[in-house]
Amino acid sequence: MTARSANLATLRDLNARSVLDALVREHKLSRAEVARRLGMSKPTANHAIETLTAAGLVREAARPEGELHYGAVFFEPAFDLGQVLGIDIGGRWIRGALADLGGGVVARYDHPRTEGGATALLADIAEVHARLTADAAPGTAGVLGTMVAVAGVVEPESGRMRVTSEQELEGYPIIEALSPVLPNLLDVDNDVNLAALGELRRGAGRESEDFAFLAVGSGVGAGLVLEGRLRRGRNGAAGEIDYPGHRPFAVDSPAADSLRALIADGHRAEVRAGRAAGGEEPPTPEELFARARLGDPFALKVVREEAHRMAGSIATIALVVDVPLVVVGGGVGLNGAVLLDPLRSRLAQMVPFPPRVQISELGDAAVLIGAVSVAAGTAWPRLIDTRLADARSTESPQGAIR
């Protein structure tokens, strides 16, 4: 190939990628809209769309409703060329999601964890993988990548788990163990970091470049998004504000085990005061929040203390990074209907510039949305490279740029 034909091929490739980027941002555009938005000539835009169509990366789309388009043909990215998987390893459940290459979830399966340590864990993950890949669309490239979320930090050099809430998994070579179980494993990352990315892409943080995601469940962790980017820290441990080794000293932690102790202490006091039946067991956190929503005085008192503890965690973040928004999630944190008012009130007393506090819009899917978004963000560009390279190999080197 001559230098001139190589330069022409490079320019055609750049034009095609620019058009595809515009279609990904806008979801669907006509040829005229592509040319106008990118400042291209109509012939150049048309040739780029022809290249992308030949590569199978875009396809004709239905016209937007409610507007006049005078017969214009619209195009959209072919995100259904393949799928990606996201798997969230929680304390009680292994949750999985199958998504297209745009990160749109097409199937989900939640599998209860079984006892038996690492061996049982791998078997549970294999079951989730099998269930979801059975739903992969026929005639596509299949599952092109899998992203796994864990409650802990994965050392970049060793692939081992650290600072995990499951002590039997401390030091476990998670990446090495998962590779045979999950074909096309892309990476393993902290669950709260992935939840923050989920909120950034599709949740409460999508309109904010600076925010924190606070997960309150079996532990307490934060994911920090600053200037639109996730900040991991030197060891990937940014936001680990309540890690297991710190737990014995965190008597005022909002984590679930501390909340259970708070409930038990309060319940014993209720029994001694004759306000509860002596043989009655303390309510679980789930029961407590249900009772609080019904106005139970004891439940509301405990919830107010839990909200104050959560405010302390948020104040720690606010005083260091001064973010305008904190999104709250996790098994405990999602009970926002009864937590938000006392939390906001207490937070306003603790910091001079309290951030806005909002409950996650994604619920228990925040981690999965982040996982499939990251997986799609890796798999889609790889597929683009492959498809455009194949298209170039069948294109005449004498083709002219239009």
Protein backbone atom coordinates (compact mmCIF):
# COMPACT_ATOMS: atom_id res chain seq x y z
CA MET A 1 0.00 0.00 0.00
CA THR A 2 1.32 3.43 -0.91
CA ALA A 3 1.70 6.20 1.65
CA ARG A 4 -1.14 8.10 -0.06
CA SER A 5 -3.58 5.18 0.12
CA ALA A 6 -2.58 4.52 3.74
CA ASN A 7 -3.32 8.17 4.61
CA LEU A 8 -6.67 7.95 2.82
CA ALA A 9 -7.56 4.84 4.79
CA THR A 10 -6.60 6.55 8.04
CA LEU A 11 -8.77 9.56 7.27
CA ARG A 12 -11.72 7.38 6.31
CA ASP A 13 -11.29 5.48 9.57
CA LEU A 14 -11.20 8.72 11.59
CA ASN A 15 -14.33 10.00 9.86
CA ALA A 16 -16.14 6.74 10.54
CA ARG A 17 -15.18 6.80 14.20
CA SER A 18 -16.27 10.42 14.59
CA VAL A 19 -19.67 9.60 13.11
CA LEU A 20 -20.04 6.53 15.32
CA ASP A 21 -19.16 8.57 18.42
CA ALA A 22 -21.88 11.07 17.48
CA LEU A 23 -24.42 8.27 17.04
CA VAL A 24 -23.49 6.79 20.43
CA ARG A 25 -23.98 10.20 22.10
CA GLU A 26 -27.25 11.05 20.34
CA HIS A 27 -28.62 7.50 19.90
CA LYS A 28 -29.97 8.18 16.41
CA LEU A 29 -29.24 10.75 13.70
CA SER A 30 -29.93 11.30 10.01
CA ARG A 31 -27.17 11.81 7.43
CA ALA A 32 -27.89 15.56 7.35
CA GLU A 33 -27.77 15.81 11.15
CA VAL A 34 -24.44 13.94 11.24
CA ALA A 35 -22.93 16.32 8.69
CA ARG A 36 -24.27 19.38 10.52
CA ARG A 37 -23.18 18.32 14.01
CA LEU A 38 -19.68 17.26 12.95
CA GLY A 39 -19.07 20.01 10.41
CA MET A 40 -18.56 17.42 7.62
CA SER A 41 -19.59 17.68 4.02
CA LYS A 42 -22.65 15.57 3.25
CA PRO A 43 -20.66 13.24 0.93
CA THR A 44 -18.05 12.65 3.65
CA ALA A 45 -20.73 11.93 6.26
CA ASN A 46 -22.55 9.64 3.82
CA HIS A 47 -19.37 7.68 3.05
CA ALA A 48 -18.63 7.29 6.76
CA ILE A 49 -22.14 5.94 7.38
CA GLU A 50 -21.74 3.54 4.44
CA THR A 51 -18.46 2.30 5.96
CA LEU A 52 -20.06 1.78 9.36
CA THR A 53 -23.10 0.08 7.85
CA ALA A 54 -20.88 -2.28 5.83
CA ALA A 55 -18.99 -3.09 9.03
CA GLY A 56 -22.28 -3.85 10.79
CA LEU A 57 -21.64 -1.18 13.43
CA VAL A 58 -24.69 0.96 12.59
CA ARG A 59 -28.09 0.23 11.11
CA GLU A 60 -31.16 2.09 9.96
CA ALA A 61 -33.41 3.20 12.82
CA ALA A 62 -37.05 4.21 13.14
CA ARG A 63 -37.70 7.90 12.74
CA PRO A 64 -38.21 9.93 15.94
CA GLU A 65 -41.89 10.44 16.63
CA GLY A 66 -43.59 13.81 16.67
CA GLU A 67 -41.21 15.59 14.26
CA LEU A 68 -41.18 16.23 10.52
CA HIS A 69 -38.19 14.70 8.75
CA TYR A 70 -39.28 14.72 5.10
CA GLY A 71 -38.22 11.17 4.35
CA ALA A 72 -34.82 11.33 6.09
CA VAL A 73 -33.26 7.98 6.96
CA PHE A 74 -31.98 7.67 10.52
CA PHE A 75 -29.17 5.50 11.85
CA GLU A 76 -28.27 4.10 15.29
CA PRO A 77 -25.38 2.07 16.78
CA ALA A 78 -25.81 -1.71 16.52
CA PHE A 79 -25.28 -2.34 20.22
CA ASP A 80 -26.89 -5.78 19.96
CA LEU A 81 -23.90 -7.17 18.07
CA GLY A 82 -22.79 -8.78 21.33
CA GLN A 83 -23.31 -8.74 25.07
CA VAL A 84 -21.40 -8.14 28.28
CA LEU A 85 -21.89 -9.51 31.79
CA GLY A 86 -21.78 -7.81 35.17
CA ILE A 87 -21.61 -9.90 38.34
CA ASP A 88 -21.99 -8.50 41.86
CA ILE A 89 -20.68 -10.73 44.67
CA GLY A 90 -22.64 -9.70 47.73
CA GLY A 91 -22.78 -11.14 51.23
CA ARG A 92 -26.15 -12.85 50.67
CA TRP A 93 -26.65 -12.84 46.90
CA ILE A 94 -24.70 -13.21 43.68
CA ARG A 95 -26.41 -10.82 41.27
CA GLY A 96 -25.78 -10.90 37.54
CA ALA A 97 -26.86 -8.81 34.56
CA LEU A 98 -26.57 -9.38 30.82
CA ALA A 99 -26.35 -6.16 28.82
CA ASP A 100 -25.88 -5.02 25.24
CA LEU A 101 -22.78 -3.16 24.12
CA GLY A 102 -24.34 0.16 25.06
CA GLY A 103 -24.69 -0.98 28.67
CA GLY A 104 -28.46 -1.52 28.46
CA VAL A 105 -29.51 -4.44 30.68
CA VAL A 106 -31.46 -7.14 28.83
CA ALA A 107 -31.59 -9.85 31.54
CA ARG A 108 -30.89 -10.22 35.25
CA TYR A 109 -30.57 -13.17 37.60
CA ASP A 110 -30.07 -13.15 41.39
CA HIS A 111 -28.72 -16.32 42.99
CA PRO A 112 -28.62 -16.86 46.79
CA ARG A 113 -25.14 -17.57 48.12
CA THR A 114 -24.52 -21.01 49.54
CA GLU A 115 -22.21 -21.83 52.41
CA GLY A 116 -18.88 -23.51 51.74
CA GLY A 117 -16.26 -20.81 51.34
CA ALA A 118 -14.46 -20.08 48.10
CA THR A 119 -15.42 -23.39 46.46
CA ALA A 120 -19.14 -22.73 46.94
CA LEU A 121 -18.68 -19.13 45.84
CA LEU A 122 -17.15 -20.18 42.52
CA ALA A 123 -19.95 -22.68 41.95
CA ASP A 124 -22.57 -19.97 42.59
CA ILE A 125 -20.84 -17.61 40.15
CA ALA A 126 -20.68 -20.37 37.53
CA GLU A 127 -24.44 -20.87 37.95
CA VAL A 128 -25.14 -17.17 37.45
CA HIS A 129 -22.92 -17.16 34.36
CA ALA A 130 -24.69 -20.20 32.92
CA ARG A 131 -28.18 -18.79 33.52
CA LEU A 132 -27.40 -15.46 31.89
CA THR A 133 -25.37 -16.70 28.93
CA ALA A 134 -28.26 -19.00 28.08
CA ASP A 135 -30.19 -15.77 27.43
CA ALA A 136 -27.55 -14.38 25.04
CA ALA A 137 -29.12 -13.47 21.72
CA PRO A 138 -28.46 -16.03 18.96
CA GLY A 139 -26.56 -14.87 15.90
CA THR A 140 -24.45 -12.32 17.80
CA ALA A 141 -20.81 -12.29 18.84
CA GLY A 142 -21.92 -13.60 22.26
CA VAL A 143 -20.58 -12.41 25.59
CA LEU A 144 -17.51 -10.27 24.87
CA GLY A 145 -16.52 -9.38 28.41
CA THR A 146 -17.39 -9.81 32.07
CA MET A 147 -16.87 -7.37 34.94
CA VAL A 148 -17.03 -8.63 38.54
CA ALA A 149 -17.73 -6.54 41.65
CA VAL A 150 -16.42 -7.56 45.08
CA ALA A 151 -16.71 -6.10 48.58
CA GLY A 152 -13.06 -5.23 49.02
CA VAL A 153 -9.97 -3.96 47.24
CA VAL A 154 -8.22 -6.02 44.57
CA GLU A 155 -4.46 -5.49 44.53
CA PRO A 156 -3.43 -4.51 40.98
CA GLU A 157 -0.14 -6.42 41.13
CA SER A 158 -1.28 -9.70 42.71
CA GLY A 159 -4.99 -9.85 41.90
CA ARG A 160 -5.65 -10.75 45.54
CA MET A 161 -8.46 -9.39 47.69
CA ARG A 162 -7.69 -7.01 50.54
CA VAL A 163 -9.76 -5.08 53.08
CA THR A 164 -12.72 -7.38 52.47
CA SER A 165 -15.72 -7.79 54.75
CA GLU A 166 -15.37 -11.59 54.37
CA GLN A 167 -12.31 -12.56 56.35
CA GLU A 168 -12.03 -15.98 54.72
CA LEU A 169 -11.46 -14.21 51.39
CA GLU A 170 -8.72 -11.89 52.68
CA GLY A 171 -5.71 -12.51 50.44
CA TYR A 172 -7.73 -14.75 48.10
CA PRO A 173 -6.43 -14.72 44.46
CA ILE A 174 -9.80 -13.69 43.09
CA ILE A 175 -8.77 -12.93 39.50
CA GLU A 176 -6.84 -16.18 39.13
CA ALA A 177 -9.75 -18.16 40.61
CA LEU A 178 -12.42 -16.53 38.44
CA SER A 179 -10.59 -16.73 35.10
CA PRO A 180 -11.48 -20.41 34.44
CA VAL A 181 -15.08 -19.84 35.58
CA LEU A 182 -15.77 -16.69 33.56
CA PRO A 183 -14.56 -16.73 29.94
CA ASN A 184 -13.58 -13.24 28.73
CA LEU A 185 -13.13 -11.94 32.27
CA LEU A 186 -12.16 -8.28 31.93
CA ASP A 187 -11.48 -7.27 35.52
CA VAL A 188 -12.55 -7.46 39.16
CA ASP A 189 -13.25 -4.18 40.96
CA ASN A 190 -14.61 -2.80 44.21
CA ASP A 191 -18.41 -2.90 44.33
CA VAL A 192 -18.86 0.63 45.66
CA ASN A 193 -16.60 2.07 42.97
CA LEU A 194 -18.71 0.34 40.34
CA ALA A 195 -21.91 1.58 42.00
CA ALA A 196 -20.55 5.14 41.77
CA LEU A 197 -19.91 4.59 38.05
CA GLY A 198 -23.42 3.22 37.67
CA GLU A 199 -24.86 6.37 39.22
CA LEU A 200 -22.60 8.49 37.00
CA ARG A 201 -23.73 6.75 33.81
CA ARG A 202 -27.42 6.14 34.45
CA GLY A 203 -28.41 7.24 37.95
CA ALA A 204 -28.55 10.16 40.34
CA GLY A 205 -25.05 11.36 39.45
CA ARG A 206 -25.50 11.64 35.69
CA GLU A 207 -25.96 15.42 35.89
CA SER A 208 -23.04 15.99 38.28
CA GLU A 209 -19.30 15.76 37.63
CA ASP A 210 -18.50 15.79 41.36
CA PHE A 211 -20.27 13.51 43.81
CA ALA A 212 -19.77 10.64 46.22
CA PHE A 213 -21.66 7.37 46.42
CA LEU A 214 -22.04 6.14 50.01
CA ALA A 215 -22.97 2.48 50.43
CA VAL A 216 -24.28 1.50 53.86
CA GLY A 217 -24.80 -2.23 54.27
CA SER A 218 -22.65 -4.93 55.84
CA GLY A 219 -19.91 -2.29 55.74
CA VAL A 220 -19.63 1.36 54.83
CA GLY A 221 -17.74 2.47 51.76
CA ALA A 222 -17.67 5.39 49.38
CA GLY A 223 -16.95 5.84 45.71
CA LEU A 224 -15.61 9.27 44.73
CA VAL A 225 -16.33 10.83 41.34
CA LEU A 226 -14.41 14.07 40.80
CA GLU A 227 -14.40 16.00 37.52
CA GLY A 228 -16.37 13.18 35.96
CA ARG A 229 -13.82 10.50 36.83
CA LEU A 230 -13.71 7.81 39.49
CA ARG A 231 -10.87 8.42 41.95
CA ARG A 232 -9.40 5.18 43.27
CA GLY A 233 -6.38 6.39 45.22
CA ARG A 234 -2.84 4.97 45.18
CA ASN A 235 -3.87 1.49 46.36
CA GLY A 236 -7.41 1.48 45.02
CA ALA A 237 -8.71 2.01 48.55
CA ALA A 238 -10.11 5.56 48.30
CA GLY A 239 -13.43 5.73 50.12
CA GLU A 240 -12.84 2.75 52.44
CA ILE A 241 -14.03 4.75 55.44
CA ASP A 242 -15.20 1.77 57.52
CA TYR A 243 -13.07 -1.26 56.69
CA PRO A 244 -13.14 -4.49 58.77
CA GLY A 245 -9.92 -3.81 60.69
CA HIS A 246 -11.36 -0.45 61.75
CA ARG A 247 -14.71 -1.90 62.83
CA PRO A 248 -13.95 -2.65 66.51
CA PHE A 249 -13.22 1.02 67.08
CA ALA A 250 -16.17 2.33 65.07
CA VAL A 251 -18.83 1.97 67.76
CA ASP A 252 -20.94 4.59 66.02
CA SER A 253 -20.69 3.01 62.56
CA PRO A 254 -23.93 2.92 60.54
CA ALA A 255 -22.99 -0.54 59.19
CA ALA A 256 -25.52 -3.34 59.53
CA ASP A 257 -23.79 -5.17 62.40
CA SER A 258 -23.60 -1.97 64.46
CA LEU A 259 -27.22 -1.22 63.60
CA ARG A 260 -28.25 -4.67 64.84
CA ALA A 261 -26.40 -4.01 68.11
CA LEU A 262 -28.15 -0.65 68.41
CA ILE A 263 -31.52 -2.31 67.86
CA ALA A 264 -30.76 -5.03 70.43
CA ASP A 265 -29.66 -2.49 73.06
CA GLY A 266 -32.74 -0.39 72.49
CA HIS A 267 -34.99 -3.42 72.57
CA ARG A 268 -33.60 -4.55 75.94
CA ALA A 269 -34.28 -1.07 77.30
CA GLU A 270 -37.85 -1.29 75.99
CA VAL A 271 -38.30 -4.64 77.72
CA ARG A 272 -36.95 -3.30 81.03
CA ALA A 273 -39.32 -0.33 80.80
CA GLY A 274 -42.24 -2.66 80.16
CA ARG A 275 -42.87 -1.32 76.67
CA ALA A 276 -42.09 -4.61 74.91
CA ALA A 277 -42.91 -8.23 75.63
CA GLY A 278 -40.06 -9.91 77.53
CA GLY A 279 -39.88 -12.92 75.22
CA GLU A 280 -40.03 -10.89 72.03
CA GLU A 281 -36.91 -10.99 69.86
CA PRO A 282 -35.40 -7.69 68.68
CA PRO A 283 -36.62 -6.73 65.22
CA THR A 284 -34.33 -7.20 62.25
CA PRO A 285 -33.19 -4.04 60.44
CA GLU A 286 -35.74 -4.79 57.70
CA GLU A 287 -38.52 -5.10 60.28
CA LEU A 288 -37.35 -1.97 62.08
CA PHE A 289 -37.51 0.18 58.93
CA ALA A 290 -40.96 -1.23 58.12
CA ARG A 291 -42.17 -0.31 61.62
CA ALA A 292 -40.63 3.16 61.29
CA ARG A 293 -42.56 3.76 58.09
CA LEU A 294 -45.73 3.02 60.10
CA GLY A 295 -44.76 5.55 62.78
CA ASP A 296 -43.64 3.17 65.55
CA PRO A 297 -41.95 5.38 68.23
CA PHE A 298 -39.19 2.91 69.13
CA ALA A 299 -38.35 2.27 65.47
CA LEU A 300 -38.28 6.00 64.70
CA LYS A 301 -35.90 6.58 67.62
CA VAL A 302 -33.45 3.95 66.33
CA VAL A 303 -33.76 5.19 62.75
CA ARG A 304 -32.96 8.74 63.91
CA GLU A 305 -29.76 7.50 65.57
CA GLU A 306 -28.85 5.51 62.46
CA ALA A 307 -29.41 8.63 60.33
CA HIS A 308 -27.10 10.59 62.64
CA ARG A 309 -24.41 7.92 62.22
CA MET A 310 -24.77 8.06 58.45
CA ALA A 311 -24.49 11.86 58.64
CA GLY A 312 -21.13 11.36 60.37
CA SER A 313 -19.88 9.27 57.44
CA ILE A 314 -21.10 11.87 54.95
CA ALA A 315 -19.54 14.69 56.98
CA THR A 316 -16.17 12.92 56.77
CA ILE A 317 -16.43 12.91 52.97
CA ALA A 318 -17.78 16.47 52.74
CA LEU A 319 -15.02 17.96 54.86
CA VAL A 320 -12.31 16.35 52.70
CA VAL A 321 -13.57 16.67 49.13
CA ASP A 322 -16.44 19.21 49.46
CA VAL A 323 -18.67 17.50 46.88
CA PRO A 324 -22.08 19.06 46.12
CA LEU A 325 -23.90 15.69 46.08
CA VAL A 326 -23.82 12.43 48.02
CA VAL A 327 -25.85 9.51 46.66
CA VAL A 328 -26.76 6.94 49.30
CA GLY A 329 -27.27 3.24 48.59
CA GLY A 330 -26.65 -0.20 50.06
CA GLY A 331 -29.02 -2.48 51.95
CA VAL A 332 -29.39 -0.04 54.86
CA GLY A 333 -28.94 3.20 52.94
CA LEU A 334 -31.79 2.53 50.51
CA ASN A 335 -34.36 3.07 53.29
CA GLY A 336 -34.43 6.73 52.39
CA ALA A 337 -38.07 7.50 53.12
CA VAL A 338 -37.43 7.51 56.88
CA LEU A 339 -33.71 8.34 56.91
CA LEU A 340 -33.40 11.45 54.79
CA ASP A 341 -34.99 14.13 56.98
CA PRO A 342 -33.05 13.37 60.20
CA LEU A 343 -29.88 12.72 58.17
CA ARG A 344 -30.04 16.09 56.41
CA SER A 345 -30.86 17.90 59.63
CA ARG A 346 -27.92 16.36 61.48
CA LEU A 347 -25.54 16.92 58.55
CA ALA A 348 -26.39 20.62 58.49
CA GLN A 349 -25.20 20.81 62.11
CA MET A 350 -21.92 19.00 61.38
CA VAL A 351 -20.46 20.75 58.33
CA PRO A 352 -20.56 24.37 57.14
CA PHE A 353 -21.41 23.43 53.53
CA PRO A 354 -23.55 20.26 53.63
CA PRO A 355 -23.88 18.45 50.30
CA ARG A 356 -27.23 17.57 48.84
CA VAL A 357 -28.13 14.00 49.85
CA GLN A 358 -30.14 11.79 47.53
CA ILE A 359 -31.10 8.13 47.65
CA SER A 360 -29.83 6.02 44.75
CA GLU A 361 -32.13 5.93 41.73
CA LEU A 362 -30.79 2.50 40.77
CA GLY A 363 -31.54 0.65 44.01
CA ASP A 364 -29.83 -2.71 44.31
CA ALA A 365 -28.89 -2.55 40.61
CA ALA A 366 -26.34 0.28 41.02
CA VAL A 367 -23.34 -2.07 41.18
CA LEU A 368 -24.57 -4.12 38.21
CA ILE A 369 -25.22 -1.02 36.09
CA GLY A 370 -21.69 0.16 36.81
CA ALA A 371 -20.22 -3.26 36.04
CA VAL A 372 -21.92 -3.65 32.66
CA SER A 373 -21.17 -0.02 31.76
CA VAL A 374 -17.45 -0.61 32.36
CA ALA A 375 -17.55 -3.93 30.50
CA ALA A 376 -19.36 -2.38 27.54
CA GLY A 377 -16.91 0.54 27.56
CA THR A 378 -14.11 -1.98 26.97
CA ALA A 379 -15.82 -4.50 24.67
CA TRP A 380 -17.47 -2.00 22.29
CA PRO A 381 -14.23 -0.20 21.25
CA ARG A 382 -12.55 -3.57 20.71
CA LEU A 383 -15.37 -4.66 18.43
CA ILE A 384 -15.16 -1.37 16.54
CA ASP A 385 -11.44 -1.93 15.91
CA THR A 386 -12.05 -5.46 14.65
CA ARG A 387 -14.98 -4.58 12.41
CA LEU A 388 -13.32 -1.52 10.85
CA ALA A 389 -10.12 -3.47 10.25
CA ASP A 390 -12.14 -6.16 8.46
CA ALA A 391 -13.92 -3.49 6.42
CA ARG A 392 -10.60 -1.92 5.42
CA SER A 393 -9.24 -5.26 4.26
CA THR A 394 -12.08 -5.57 1.73
CA GLU A 395 -12.03 -1.94 0.61
CA SER A 396 -10.30 -0.85 -2.60
CA PRO A 397 -7.05 1.02 -1.86
CA GLN A 398 -7.93 3.37 -4.69
CA GLY A 399 -11.10 4.56 -2.98
CA ALA A 400 -11.36 8.33 -2.75
CA ILE A 401 -12.40 10.38 0.22
CA ARG A 402 -15.66 12.04 -0.43
